Every structure is written in C-alpha cells, then in structure tokens.
N, C-alpha and C. Protein backbone atom coordinates (compact mmCIF):
# COMPACT_ATOMS: atom_id res chain seq x y z
N UNK A 1 50.53 -7.71 -0.05
CA UNK A 1 50.36 -6.40 -0.65
C UNK A 1 49.79 -6.52 -2.07
N UNK A 2 50.22 -7.57 -2.77
CA UNK A 2 49.75 -7.76 -4.14
C UNK A 2 48.23 -8.00 -4.14
N UNK A 3 47.72 -8.73 -3.17
CA UNK A 3 46.28 -9.01 -3.07
C UNK A 3 45.49 -7.73 -2.88
N UNK A 4 46.00 -6.83 -2.06
CA UNK A 4 45.34 -5.55 -1.82
C UNK A 4 45.31 -4.73 -3.09
N UNK A 5 46.40 -4.73 -3.84
CA UNK A 5 46.47 -3.98 -5.10
C UNK A 5 45.47 -4.55 -6.11
N UNK A 6 45.42 -5.87 -6.21
CA UNK A 6 44.48 -6.50 -7.14
C UNK A 6 43.03 -6.21 -6.74
N UNK A 7 42.77 -6.26 -5.46
CA UNK A 7 41.43 -5.95 -4.96
C UNK A 7 41.04 -4.51 -5.27
N UNK A 8 41.97 -3.59 -5.09
CA UNK A 8 41.71 -2.18 -5.40
C UNK A 8 41.46 -2.00 -6.89
N UNK A 9 42.21 -2.70 -7.73
CA UNK A 9 42.03 -2.61 -9.18
C UNK A 9 40.65 -3.14 -9.58
N UNK A 10 40.26 -4.27 -9.01
CA UNK A 10 38.93 -4.83 -9.30
C UNK A 10 37.84 -3.86 -8.87
N UNK A 11 38.01 -3.27 -7.70
CA UNK A 11 37.03 -2.31 -7.19
C UNK A 11 36.90 -1.09 -8.10
N UNK A 12 38.03 -0.55 -8.55
CA UNK A 12 38.03 0.62 -9.43
C UNK A 12 37.38 0.27 -10.77
N UNK A 13 37.75 -0.87 -11.36
CA UNK A 13 37.18 -1.26 -12.65
C UNK A 13 35.68 -1.54 -12.53
N UNK A 14 35.26 -2.16 -11.44
CA UNK A 14 33.83 -2.41 -11.23
C UNK A 14 33.06 -1.11 -11.10
N UNK A 15 33.63 -0.17 -10.37
CA UNK A 15 32.98 1.13 -10.19
C UNK A 15 32.87 1.87 -11.52
N UNK A 16 33.92 1.82 -12.33
CA UNK A 16 33.87 2.47 -13.65
C UNK A 16 32.80 1.83 -14.52
N UNK A 17 32.69 0.50 -14.46
CA UNK A 17 31.65 -0.19 -15.23
C UNK A 17 30.25 0.21 -14.77
N UNK A 18 30.08 0.34 -13.46
CA UNK A 18 28.77 0.73 -12.92
C UNK A 18 28.41 2.15 -13.35
N UNK A 19 29.37 3.06 -13.28
CA UNK A 19 29.13 4.45 -13.68
C UNK A 19 28.82 4.52 -15.17
N UNK A 20 29.55 3.76 -15.99
CA UNK A 20 29.29 3.75 -17.43
C UNK A 20 27.89 3.22 -17.73
N UNK A 21 27.50 2.17 -17.05
CA UNK A 21 26.16 1.62 -17.24
C UNK A 21 25.09 2.63 -16.83
N UNK A 22 25.31 3.32 -15.72
CA UNK A 22 24.38 4.34 -15.24
C UNK A 22 24.24 5.45 -16.28
N UNK A 23 25.37 5.88 -16.85
CA UNK A 23 25.34 6.96 -17.85
C UNK A 23 24.61 6.53 -19.12
N UNK A 24 24.80 5.29 -19.53
CA UNK A 24 24.19 4.80 -20.76
C UNK A 24 22.71 4.47 -20.56
N UNK A 25 22.41 3.69 -19.55
CA UNK A 25 21.04 3.20 -19.34
C UNK A 25 20.20 4.11 -18.46
N UNK A 26 20.84 4.98 -17.70
CA UNK A 26 20.11 5.84 -16.78
C UNK A 26 19.91 5.16 -15.44
N UNK A 27 19.33 5.89 -14.50
CA UNK A 27 19.12 5.32 -13.16
C UNK A 27 18.08 4.21 -13.22
N UNK A 28 18.06 3.34 -12.22
CA UNK A 28 17.08 2.25 -12.21
C UNK A 28 15.66 2.79 -12.08
N UNK A 29 14.74 2.10 -12.71
CA UNK A 29 13.33 2.46 -12.62
C UNK A 29 12.77 1.91 -11.32
N UNK A 30 12.41 2.78 -10.40
CA UNK A 30 11.93 2.35 -9.10
C UNK A 30 10.41 2.44 -8.98
N UNK A 31 9.74 2.69 -10.09
CA UNK A 31 8.29 2.74 -10.04
C UNK A 31 7.73 1.32 -9.87
N UNK A 32 6.63 1.23 -9.19
CA UNK A 32 6.01 -0.06 -8.94
C UNK A 32 4.87 -0.24 -9.94
N UNK A 33 4.93 -1.33 -10.67
CA UNK A 33 3.86 -1.63 -11.61
C UNK A 33 2.92 -2.63 -10.95
N UNK A 34 1.77 -2.16 -10.57
CA UNK A 34 0.81 -3.02 -9.88
C UNK A 34 -0.26 -3.43 -10.89
N UNK A 35 -0.21 -4.68 -11.26
CA UNK A 35 -1.25 -5.20 -12.15
C UNK A 35 -2.18 -6.07 -11.31
N UNK A 36 -3.41 -6.09 -11.70
CA UNK A 36 -4.40 -6.84 -10.93
C UNK A 36 -5.35 -7.53 -11.88
N UNK A 37 -5.39 -8.83 -11.79
CA UNK A 37 -6.33 -9.63 -12.56
C UNK A 37 -7.34 -10.23 -11.58
N UNK A 38 -8.59 -9.83 -11.64
CA UNK A 38 -9.59 -10.33 -10.69
C UNK A 38 -9.64 -11.86 -10.62
N UNK A 39 -9.30 -12.53 -11.71
CA UNK A 39 -9.33 -13.99 -11.71
C UNK A 39 -8.16 -14.60 -10.94
N UNK A 40 -7.13 -13.79 -10.68
CA UNK A 40 -5.92 -14.30 -10.04
C UNK A 40 -5.78 -13.91 -8.57
N UNK A 41 -6.72 -13.15 -8.04
CA UNK A 41 -6.59 -12.71 -6.64
C UNK A 41 -7.56 -13.48 -5.75
N UNK A 42 -7.33 -13.42 -4.46
CA UNK A 42 -8.17 -14.14 -3.51
C UNK A 42 -9.54 -13.50 -3.35
N UNK A 43 -10.47 -14.24 -2.77
CA UNK A 43 -11.84 -13.73 -2.61
C UNK A 43 -11.94 -12.56 -1.64
N UNK A 44 -10.94 -12.38 -0.78
CA UNK A 44 -10.96 -11.26 0.17
C UNK A 44 -10.34 -10.00 -0.42
N UNK A 45 -9.85 -10.08 -1.67
CA UNK A 45 -9.20 -8.94 -2.31
C UNK A 45 -10.06 -8.35 -3.41
N UNK A 46 -9.68 -7.12 -3.80
CA UNK A 46 -10.37 -6.43 -4.90
C UNK A 46 -9.34 -5.58 -5.64
N UNK A 47 -9.53 -5.45 -6.94
CA UNK A 47 -8.66 -4.61 -7.77
C UNK A 47 -9.13 -3.16 -7.70
N UNK A 48 -8.20 -2.24 -7.80
CA UNK A 48 -8.54 -0.82 -7.77
C UNK A 48 -9.49 -0.47 -8.91
N UNK A 49 -9.27 -1.04 -10.09
CA UNK A 49 -10.15 -0.75 -11.23
C UNK A 49 -11.59 -1.18 -10.93
N UNK A 50 -11.77 -2.28 -10.24
CA UNK A 50 -13.11 -2.74 -9.86
C UNK A 50 -13.75 -1.77 -8.89
N UNK A 51 -12.97 -1.32 -7.91
CA UNK A 51 -13.50 -0.35 -6.94
C UNK A 51 -13.95 0.91 -7.67
N UNK A 52 -13.10 1.42 -8.56
CA UNK A 52 -13.41 2.66 -9.26
C UNK A 52 -14.61 2.51 -10.18
N UNK A 53 -14.77 1.35 -10.80
CA UNK A 53 -15.85 1.16 -11.77
C UNK A 53 -17.18 0.74 -11.13
N UNK A 54 -17.11 -0.06 -10.06
CA UNK A 54 -18.32 -0.68 -9.56
C UNK A 54 -18.72 -0.32 -8.13
N UNK A 55 -17.80 0.16 -7.33
CA UNK A 55 -18.10 0.46 -5.93
C UNK A 55 -18.21 1.96 -5.73
N UNK A 56 -19.39 2.44 -5.55
CA UNK A 56 -19.61 3.87 -5.30
C UNK A 56 -19.69 4.11 -3.80
N UNK A 57 -19.33 5.30 -3.38
CA UNK A 57 -19.39 5.69 -1.96
C UNK A 57 -18.68 4.69 -1.04
N UNK A 58 -17.47 4.32 -1.43
CA UNK A 58 -16.70 3.36 -0.64
C UNK A 58 -16.00 4.08 0.52
N UNK A 59 -15.91 3.41 1.65
CA UNK A 59 -15.14 3.91 2.79
C UNK A 59 -13.74 3.32 2.69
N UNK A 60 -12.74 4.18 2.61
CA UNK A 60 -11.35 3.73 2.55
C UNK A 60 -10.81 3.59 3.96
N UNK A 61 -10.14 2.47 4.21
CA UNK A 61 -9.55 2.19 5.52
C UNK A 61 -8.05 1.97 5.33
N UNK A 62 -7.25 2.80 5.98
CA UNK A 62 -5.80 2.72 5.89
C UNK A 62 -5.28 1.85 7.03
N UNK A 63 -4.61 0.76 6.69
CA UNK A 63 -4.09 -0.17 7.70
C UNK A 63 -2.59 0.00 7.92
N UNK A 64 -2.01 1.03 7.34
CA UNK A 64 -0.58 1.29 7.54
C UNK A 64 -0.38 1.94 8.90
N UNK A 65 0.88 2.12 9.32
CA UNK A 65 1.11 2.85 10.57
C UNK A 65 0.46 4.23 10.53
N UNK A 66 0.05 4.72 11.70
CA UNK A 66 -0.70 5.98 11.78
C UNK A 66 0.05 7.15 11.15
N UNK A 67 1.37 7.20 11.32
CA UNK A 67 2.15 8.30 10.76
C UNK A 67 2.05 8.33 9.23
N UNK A 68 2.05 7.16 8.60
CA UNK A 68 1.92 7.10 7.14
C UNK A 68 0.52 7.52 6.71
N UNK A 69 -0.49 7.09 7.45
CA UNK A 69 -1.87 7.49 7.14
C UNK A 69 -2.01 9.01 7.23
N UNK A 70 -1.46 9.60 8.28
CA UNK A 70 -1.55 11.06 8.44
C UNK A 70 -0.76 11.79 7.36
N UNK A 71 0.35 11.20 6.93
CA UNK A 71 1.19 11.85 5.93
C UNK A 71 0.55 11.85 4.55
N UNK A 72 0.04 10.69 4.11
CA UNK A 72 -0.43 10.64 2.72
C UNK A 72 -1.63 9.73 2.49
N UNK A 73 -2.42 9.51 3.53
CA UNK A 73 -3.61 8.67 3.35
C UNK A 73 -4.64 9.31 2.42
N UNK A 74 -5.56 8.51 1.95
CA UNK A 74 -6.63 9.01 1.09
C UNK A 74 -7.48 9.99 1.90
N UNK A 75 -7.74 11.18 1.37
CA UNK A 75 -8.60 12.12 2.09
C UNK A 75 -9.95 11.48 2.42
N UNK A 76 -10.37 11.61 3.67
CA UNK A 76 -11.63 11.04 4.12
C UNK A 76 -11.53 9.61 4.61
N UNK A 77 -10.34 9.02 4.52
CA UNK A 77 -10.18 7.64 4.98
C UNK A 77 -10.12 7.58 6.50
N UNK A 78 -10.33 6.38 7.03
CA UNK A 78 -10.16 6.18 8.47
C UNK A 78 -8.95 5.27 8.68
N UNK A 79 -8.47 5.21 9.91
CA UNK A 79 -7.29 4.41 10.22
C UNK A 79 -7.66 3.26 11.14
N UNK A 80 -7.42 2.04 10.68
CA UNK A 80 -7.57 0.83 11.48
C UNK A 80 -6.42 -0.09 11.14
N UNK A 81 -5.70 -0.54 12.14
CA UNK A 81 -4.60 -1.47 11.88
C UNK A 81 -4.49 -2.47 13.01
N UNK A 82 -3.82 -3.56 12.72
CA UNK A 82 -3.61 -4.59 13.73
C UNK A 82 -2.19 -4.56 14.27
N UNK A 83 -1.39 -3.59 13.83
CA UNK A 83 0.00 -3.48 14.31
C UNK A 83 0.24 -2.11 14.91
N UNK A 84 0.92 -2.07 16.03
CA UNK A 84 1.32 -0.81 16.66
C UNK A 84 0.16 0.04 17.16
N UNK A 85 0.40 0.76 18.19
CA UNK A 85 -0.51 1.77 18.72
C UNK A 85 -1.94 1.36 18.96
N UNK A 86 -2.35 1.23 20.18
CA UNK A 86 -3.75 1.02 20.53
C UNK A 86 -4.30 -0.32 20.09
N UNK A 87 -5.29 -0.78 20.81
CA UNK A 87 -5.92 -2.05 20.44
C UNK A 87 -6.85 -1.84 19.24
N UNK A 88 -7.10 -2.92 18.54
CA UNK A 88 -7.99 -2.85 17.39
C UNK A 88 -9.38 -2.41 17.84
N UNK A 89 -9.81 -2.90 18.98
CA UNK A 89 -11.14 -2.56 19.48
C UNK A 89 -11.27 -1.06 19.77
N UNK A 90 -10.21 -0.45 20.32
CA UNK A 90 -10.23 0.99 20.58
C UNK A 90 -10.30 1.77 19.27
N UNK A 91 -9.53 1.34 18.28
CA UNK A 91 -9.57 1.99 16.98
C UNK A 91 -10.95 1.83 16.34
N UNK A 92 -11.51 0.64 16.48
CA UNK A 92 -12.84 0.36 15.94
C UNK A 92 -13.89 1.26 16.58
N UNK A 93 -13.81 1.40 17.88
CA UNK A 93 -14.75 2.25 18.61
C UNK A 93 -14.67 3.70 18.14
N UNK A 94 -13.46 4.18 17.88
CA UNK A 94 -13.28 5.56 17.43
C UNK A 94 -13.87 5.79 16.04
N UNK A 95 -14.03 4.73 15.25
CA UNK A 95 -14.53 4.87 13.88
C UNK A 95 -15.90 4.22 13.69
N UNK A 96 -16.55 3.85 14.77
CA UNK A 96 -17.79 3.07 14.69
C UNK A 96 -18.90 3.76 13.89
N UNK A 97 -19.00 5.07 14.00
CA UNK A 97 -20.06 5.79 13.28
C UNK A 97 -19.86 5.66 11.77
N UNK A 98 -18.64 5.89 11.31
CA UNK A 98 -18.36 5.79 9.87
C UNK A 98 -18.51 4.35 9.38
N UNK A 99 -18.02 3.40 10.16
CA UNK A 99 -18.13 1.99 9.77
C UNK A 99 -19.58 1.53 9.76
N UNK A 100 -20.35 1.96 10.73
CA UNK A 100 -21.74 1.55 10.82
C UNK A 100 -22.60 2.07 9.70
N UNK A 101 -22.25 3.22 9.14
CA UNK A 101 -23.05 3.79 8.06
C UNK A 101 -22.56 3.39 6.67
N UNK A 102 -21.39 2.76 6.59
CA UNK A 102 -20.83 2.37 5.29
C UNK A 102 -21.42 1.04 4.82
N UNK A 103 -21.68 0.95 3.55
CA UNK A 103 -22.13 -0.32 2.96
C UNK A 103 -20.94 -1.12 2.43
N UNK A 104 -19.92 -0.39 1.97
CA UNK A 104 -18.73 -1.04 1.40
C UNK A 104 -17.48 -0.33 1.89
N UNK A 105 -16.45 -1.13 2.15
CA UNK A 105 -15.18 -0.56 2.58
C UNK A 105 -14.04 -1.31 1.90
N UNK A 106 -12.97 -0.57 1.64
CA UNK A 106 -11.76 -1.15 1.07
C UNK A 106 -10.60 -0.81 2.00
N UNK A 107 -9.87 -1.84 2.40
CA UNK A 107 -8.73 -1.69 3.30
C UNK A 107 -7.45 -1.78 2.49
N UNK A 108 -6.52 -0.85 2.74
CA UNK A 108 -5.23 -0.91 2.05
C UNK A 108 -4.10 -0.78 3.05
N UNK A 109 -2.98 -1.43 2.70
CA UNK A 109 -1.80 -1.34 3.55
C UNK A 109 -0.61 -0.92 2.68
N UNK A 110 0.59 -1.21 3.13
CA UNK A 110 1.79 -0.63 2.55
C UNK A 110 2.16 -1.00 1.13
N UNK A 111 2.03 -2.25 0.74
CA UNK A 111 2.46 -2.62 -0.60
C UNK A 111 1.78 -3.89 -1.06
N UNK A 112 2.26 -4.42 -2.19
CA UNK A 112 1.63 -5.58 -2.81
C UNK A 112 1.61 -6.78 -1.87
N UNK A 113 2.70 -7.03 -1.16
CA UNK A 113 2.80 -8.22 -0.33
C UNK A 113 2.34 -8.05 1.10
N UNK A 114 1.83 -6.91 1.45
CA UNK A 114 1.44 -6.64 2.83
C UNK A 114 0.18 -7.44 3.19
N UNK A 115 0.20 -8.08 4.33
CA UNK A 115 -0.96 -8.87 4.75
C UNK A 115 -1.82 -8.21 5.81
N UNK A 116 -1.43 -7.01 6.24
CA UNK A 116 -2.17 -6.34 7.30
C UNK A 116 -3.60 -6.03 6.87
N UNK A 117 -3.77 -5.62 5.61
CA UNK A 117 -5.12 -5.28 5.15
C UNK A 117 -6.04 -6.50 5.20
N UNK A 118 -5.51 -7.66 4.87
CA UNK A 118 -6.33 -8.88 4.93
C UNK A 118 -6.70 -9.22 6.37
N UNK A 119 -5.79 -8.96 7.29
CA UNK A 119 -6.07 -9.19 8.71
C UNK A 119 -7.17 -8.24 9.19
N UNK A 120 -7.10 -6.97 8.77
CA UNK A 120 -8.14 -6.00 9.15
C UNK A 120 -9.49 -6.42 8.56
N UNK A 121 -9.49 -6.87 7.31
CA UNK A 121 -10.72 -7.35 6.68
C UNK A 121 -11.31 -8.50 7.50
N UNK A 122 -10.47 -9.43 7.89
CA UNK A 122 -10.93 -10.57 8.69
C UNK A 122 -11.56 -10.10 10.00
N UNK A 123 -10.90 -9.17 10.67
CA UNK A 123 -11.42 -8.67 11.95
C UNK A 123 -12.74 -7.92 11.76
N UNK A 124 -12.83 -7.11 10.71
CA UNK A 124 -14.08 -6.38 10.46
C UNK A 124 -15.23 -7.33 10.15
N UNK A 125 -14.95 -8.39 9.43
CA UNK A 125 -15.99 -9.38 9.12
C UNK A 125 -16.48 -10.06 10.39
N UNK A 126 -15.58 -10.26 11.35
CA UNK A 126 -15.99 -10.85 12.63
C UNK A 126 -17.01 -9.96 13.34
N UNK A 127 -16.87 -8.64 13.16
CA UNK A 127 -17.80 -7.69 13.77
C UNK A 127 -19.01 -7.42 12.87
N UNK A 128 -18.98 -7.90 11.64
CA UNK A 128 -20.10 -7.75 10.73
C UNK A 128 -20.30 -6.36 10.17
N UNK A 129 -19.22 -5.59 10.14
CA UNK A 129 -19.36 -4.26 9.56
C UNK A 129 -18.09 -3.85 8.84
N UNK A 130 -18.23 -3.12 7.77
CA UNK A 130 -19.46 -2.90 7.00
C UNK A 130 -19.88 -4.20 6.30
N UNK A 131 -21.08 -4.21 5.69
CA UNK A 131 -21.57 -5.45 5.08
C UNK A 131 -20.62 -6.06 4.06
N UNK A 132 -19.96 -5.21 3.28
CA UNK A 132 -19.03 -5.71 2.27
C UNK A 132 -17.69 -5.01 2.46
N UNK A 133 -16.64 -5.80 2.72
CA UNK A 133 -15.31 -5.24 2.94
C UNK A 133 -14.28 -6.12 2.26
N UNK A 134 -13.34 -5.49 1.57
CA UNK A 134 -12.29 -6.21 0.83
C UNK A 134 -10.95 -5.52 1.05
N UNK A 135 -9.89 -6.28 0.82
CA UNK A 135 -8.52 -5.74 0.86
C UNK A 135 -8.11 -5.34 -0.54
N UNK A 136 -7.51 -4.18 -0.68
CA UNK A 136 -7.08 -3.69 -1.99
C UNK A 136 -5.82 -4.42 -2.44
N UNK A 137 -5.90 -5.09 -3.57
CA UNK A 137 -4.72 -5.74 -4.13
C UNK A 137 -3.73 -4.67 -4.59
N UNK A 138 -2.52 -4.76 -4.11
CA UNK A 138 -1.50 -3.77 -4.47
C UNK A 138 -1.30 -2.71 -3.41
N UNK A 139 -2.23 -2.61 -2.47
CA UNK A 139 -2.09 -1.67 -1.37
C UNK A 139 -1.85 -0.24 -1.80
N UNK A 140 -1.07 0.47 -0.99
CA UNK A 140 -0.83 1.88 -1.26
C UNK A 140 -0.04 2.09 -2.54
N UNK A 141 0.69 1.06 -3.00
CA UNK A 141 1.41 1.19 -4.27
C UNK A 141 0.43 1.38 -5.43
N UNK A 142 -0.68 0.66 -5.40
CA UNK A 142 -1.70 0.82 -6.45
C UNK A 142 -2.33 2.20 -6.37
N UNK A 143 -2.58 2.67 -5.16
CA UNK A 143 -3.17 4.01 -4.98
C UNK A 143 -2.19 5.09 -5.41
N UNK A 144 -0.92 4.91 -5.09
CA UNK A 144 0.12 5.87 -5.48
C UNK A 144 0.20 5.96 -7.00
N UNK A 145 0.21 4.80 -7.66
CA UNK A 145 0.29 4.78 -9.13
C UNK A 145 -0.93 5.46 -9.76
N UNK A 146 -2.07 5.38 -9.09
CA UNK A 146 -3.30 6.01 -9.61
C UNK A 146 -3.44 7.47 -9.19
N UNK A 147 -2.48 7.97 -8.40
CA UNK A 147 -2.53 9.37 -7.97
C UNK A 147 -3.58 9.64 -6.91
N UNK A 148 -3.94 8.63 -6.14
CA UNK A 148 -5.01 8.79 -5.15
C UNK A 148 -4.53 9.15 -3.75
N UNK A 149 -3.26 8.95 -3.46
CA UNK A 149 -2.74 9.32 -2.15
C UNK A 149 -2.40 10.79 -2.13
N UNK A 150 -2.50 11.41 -0.96
CA UNK A 150 -2.25 12.85 -0.84
C UNK A 150 -0.91 13.25 -1.43
N UNK A 151 0.15 12.49 -1.16
CA UNK A 151 1.48 12.86 -1.63
C UNK A 151 1.65 12.67 -3.13
N UNK A 152 0.75 11.91 -3.78
CA UNK A 152 0.88 11.69 -5.21
C UNK A 152 0.08 12.70 -6.02
N UNK A 153 -0.72 13.51 -5.35
CA UNK A 153 -1.50 14.54 -6.04
C UNK A 153 -0.67 15.80 -6.19
N UNK A 154 -0.75 16.45 -7.32
CA UNK A 154 -0.02 17.70 -7.48
C UNK A 154 -0.62 18.76 -6.58
N UNK A 155 0.23 19.59 -6.04
CA UNK A 155 -0.24 20.66 -5.17
C UNK A 155 -0.22 20.30 -3.71
N UNK A 156 0.05 19.04 -3.35
CA UNK A 156 0.13 18.63 -1.93
C UNK A 156 1.54 18.48 -1.49
C-alpha cells in the first residue's frame, strides 16, 4: 500500500510541475522550421527558394496520399504517388498531357524525411518526362510554412 501511495504522490507532483511549466513557458512550439541549403541537399532535390526564384511555370506534383492532395494540395497540382491506390502507370497515364507539356516539375510529399517524392522523381526520369524534375526538400512542411498549400492560405 505504501508503494501505491508513493507512486500517487510522485504522479501528482510530476503533474503539478508539468502544469507549472506549461503556464510559465506556454505550450510547445509545434511549427516546423524547414531550412534548405542547396549545398547540403542531394542532386535530386531542390529548395523552395530556388523554385520560387529560378523556376517559372513549374508543374507541382503531390506524392502524398490522394486524400491529402485533395484536402490541401497546391492549386493546379497533379497527383502521382508510389504508395496506395492505383498503379503508378495508371496515374501517369491520367496526367500524361500535363506532364508532356511541362518543362520542369517539382514533386513534394509529406515532410522533411519523406522519401516518396524522390521515388516519384526516379520513376519520372525513367519515362523521360518532364525534362527537368526534382524533389522538394522539406516536402509539404516547406510549402505549409510558405503559405502555399490550400489549408495554409487565409480564406480556405
């Protein structure tokens, strides 16, 4: 019984400490800080700042699950992914007109560590379209921070 009482006391004191810390310091900062140094990323990747400054008329390709793309994808983007729902070839066929006319495309996926966009880039290069295609370093987190996703824009 003494062990249970001591455990309860430790639990109560820990909870009080957590609440006091929350009141003093505030809630945790859950924002994602996506920094991108072109010298530190792979050759298949590109920084959002580079896309915005140097790549005009880029085709955005969302490699996240289709539900996420529909919910908050970049307006005008297409959906191609290597995970879930339909074969890559079927998705490619559905977007062939847009891909065939694009000179440059940027593929993005869920977050900084997501590798799906790099896989889509690899597959697109195998088909030779578009001529220049890169994976966005930072994925949708970088786009969210820049206010480029539908859900991050005011009024949506």
